[in-house]
C-alpha atoms as a PDB file:
ATOM      1  CA  UNK A   1      23.646 -17.761   5.708  1.00  0.00           C
ATOM      2  CA  UNK A   2      21.153 -14.994   5.085  1.00  0.00           C
ATOM      3  CA  UNK A   3      18.861 -15.489   2.096  1.00  0.00           C
ATOM      4  CA  UNK A   4      18.551 -12.563  -0.332  1.00  0.00           C
ATOM      5  CA  UNK A   5      15.140 -11.430  -1.498  1.00  0.00           C
ATOM      6  CA  UNK A   6      14.416 -11.988  -5.148  1.00  0.00           C
ATOM      7  CA  UNK A   7      12.681  -9.262  -7.166  1.00  0.00           C
ATOM      8  CA  UNK A   8       9.566 -11.465  -7.295  1.00  0.00           C
ATOM      9  CA  UNK A   9       9.553 -11.822  -3.508  1.00  0.00           C
ATOM     10  CA  UNK A  10       9.913  -8.068  -3.075  1.00  0.00           C
ATOM     11  CA  UNK A  11       7.012  -7.466  -5.499  1.00  0.00           C
ATOM     12  CA  UNK A  12       4.897  -9.920  -3.505  1.00  0.00           C
ATOM     13  CA  UNK A  13       5.674  -8.178  -0.201  1.00  0.00           C
ATOM     14  CA  UNK A  14       4.731  -4.779  -1.621  1.00  0.00           C
ATOM     15  CA  UNK A  15       1.621  -6.265  -3.240  1.00  0.00           C
ATOM     16  CA  UNK A  16       0.561  -7.584   0.190  1.00  0.00           C
ATOM     17  CA  UNK A  17       1.053  -4.162   1.799  1.00  0.00           C
ATOM     18  CA  UNK A  18      -1.064  -2.575  -0.969  1.00  0.00           C
ATOM     19  CA  UNK A  19      -3.775  -5.203  -0.423  1.00  0.00           C
ATOM     20  CA  UNK A  20      -3.734  -4.699   3.339  1.00  0.00           C
ATOM     21  CA  UNK A  21      -3.966  -0.946   2.825  1.00  0.00           C
ATOM     22  CA  UNK A  22      -7.132  -1.307   0.782  1.00  0.00           C
ATOM     23  CA  UNK A  23      -8.567  -3.652   3.402  1.00  0.00           C
ATOM     24  CA  UNK A  24      -7.936  -0.942   6.017  1.00  0.00           C
ATOM     25  CA  UNK A  25     -10.138   1.415   3.961  1.00  0.00           C
ATOM     26  CA  UNK A  26     -12.998  -1.088   4.058  1.00  0.00           C
ATOM     27  CA  UNK A  27     -12.553  -1.658   7.787  1.00  0.00           C
ATOM     28  CA  UNK A  28     -12.593   2.090   8.471  1.00  0.00           C
ATOM     29  CA  UNK A  29     -15.875   2.378   6.558  1.00  0.00           C
ATOM     30  CA  UNK A  30     -17.446  -0.648   8.259  1.00  0.00           C
ATOM     31  CA  UNK A  31     -16.385   0.372  11.762  1.00  0.00           C
ATOM     32  CA  UNK A  32     -15.728   4.115  11.981  1.00  0.00           C
ATOM     33  CA  UNK A  33     -13.398   4.534  14.911  1.00  0.00           C
ATOM     34  CA  UNK A  34     -10.261   6.576  15.556  1.00  0.00           C
ATOM     35  CA  UNK A  35      -8.130   3.434  15.565  1.00  0.00           C
ATOM     36  CA  UNK A  36      -9.343   2.304  12.128  1.00  0.00           C
ATOM     37  CA  UNK A  37      -8.943   5.802  10.680  1.00  0.00           C
ATOM     38  CA  UNK A  38      -5.413   5.978  12.083  1.00  0.00           C
ATOM     39  CA  UNK A  39      -4.587   2.558  10.680  1.00  0.00           C
ATOM     40  CA  UNK A  40      -5.863   3.634   7.253  1.00  0.00           C
ATOM     41  CA  UNK A  41      -3.752   6.800   7.412  1.00  0.00           C
ATOM     42  CA  UNK A  42      -0.677   4.807   8.427  1.00  0.00           C
ATOM     43  CA  UNK A  43      -1.105   2.474   5.451  1.00  0.00           C
ATOM     44  CA  UNK A  44      -1.471   5.489   3.176  1.00  0.00           C
ATOM     45  CA  UNK A  45       1.796   6.973   4.469  1.00  0.00           C
ATOM     46  CA  UNK A  46       3.689   3.703   3.966  1.00  0.00           C
ATOM     47  CA  UNK A  47       2.187   3.108   0.526  1.00  0.00           C
ATOM     48  CA  UNK A  48       2.923   6.679  -0.539  1.00  0.00           C
ATOM     49  CA  UNK A  49       6.570   6.302   0.488  1.00  0.00           C
ATOM     50  CA  UNK A  50       6.935   3.012  -1.395  1.00  0.00           C
ATOM     51  CA  UNK A  51       5.137   4.440  -4.449  1.00  0.00           C
ATOM     52  CA  UNK A  52       7.444   7.468  -4.547  1.00  0.00           C
ATOM     53  CA  UNK A  53      10.550   5.295  -4.300  1.00  0.00           C
ATOM     54  CA  UNK A  54       9.319   3.021  -7.089  1.00  0.00           C
ATOM     55  CA  UNK A  55       8.676   6.111  -9.193  1.00  0.00           C
ATOM     56  CA  UNK A  56      12.157   7.493  -8.493  1.00  0.00           C
ATOM     57  CA  UNK A  57      13.671   4.191  -9.667  1.00  0.00           C
ATOM     58  CA  UNK A  58      11.368   4.256 -12.715  1.00  0.00           C
ATOM     59  CA  UNK A  59       9.570   1.046 -11.802  1.00  0.00           C
ATOM     60  CA  UNK A  60       6.124   0.233 -13.155  1.00  0.00           C
ATOM     61  CA  UNK A  61       4.016   0.570 -10.027  1.00  0.00           C
ATOM     62  CA  UNK A  62       1.297  -1.656 -11.500  1.00  0.00           C
ATOM     63  CA  UNK A  63       3.747  -4.559 -11.248  1.00  0.00           C
ATOM     64  CA  UNK A  64       3.648  -4.019  -7.485  1.00  0.00           C
ATOM     65  CA  UNK A  65      -0.147  -3.964  -7.139  1.00  0.00           C
ATOM     66  CA  UNK A  66      -0.743  -0.217  -7.413  1.00  0.00           C
ATOM     67  CA  UNK A  67      -3.789   0.610  -9.549  1.00  0.00           C
ATOM     68  CA  UNK A  68      -4.216   3.938 -11.337  1.00  0.00           C
ATOM     69  CA  UNK A  69      -5.208   6.670  -8.879  1.00  0.00           C
ATOM     70  CA  UNK A  70      -4.261   4.313  -6.062  1.00  0.00           C
ATOM     71  CA  UNK A  71      -4.491   7.015  -3.400  1.00  0.00           C
ATOM     72  CA  UNK A  72      -8.017   8.310  -4.107  1.00  0.00           C
ATOM     73  CA  UNK A  73      -9.866   5.647  -2.028  1.00  0.00           C
ATOM     74  CA  UNK A  74      -7.883   6.691   1.038  1.00  0.00           C
ATOM     75  CA  UNK A  75      -9.512  10.124   0.923  1.00  0.00           C
ATOM     76  CA  UNK A  76     -13.058   9.308  -0.178  1.00  0.00           C
ATOM     77  CA  UNK A  77     -15.832   9.038   2.363  1.00  0.00           C
END
């Protein structure tokens, strides 16, 4: 039988993706390379999609690990 995700498990998964996204920013700064920049951009795209869906469903994005102005570090040099 397939196990259903609980809301807490879903929050944890999204939190991990947010955390990994911020780690990709640090890696792109430490080792500037096309691969790392592409990885950072890919995380941004995924995180933006999740953020927009949470917003549509009127969820508090902070409960999922999104800080205020979460997207700004993806575009700073």
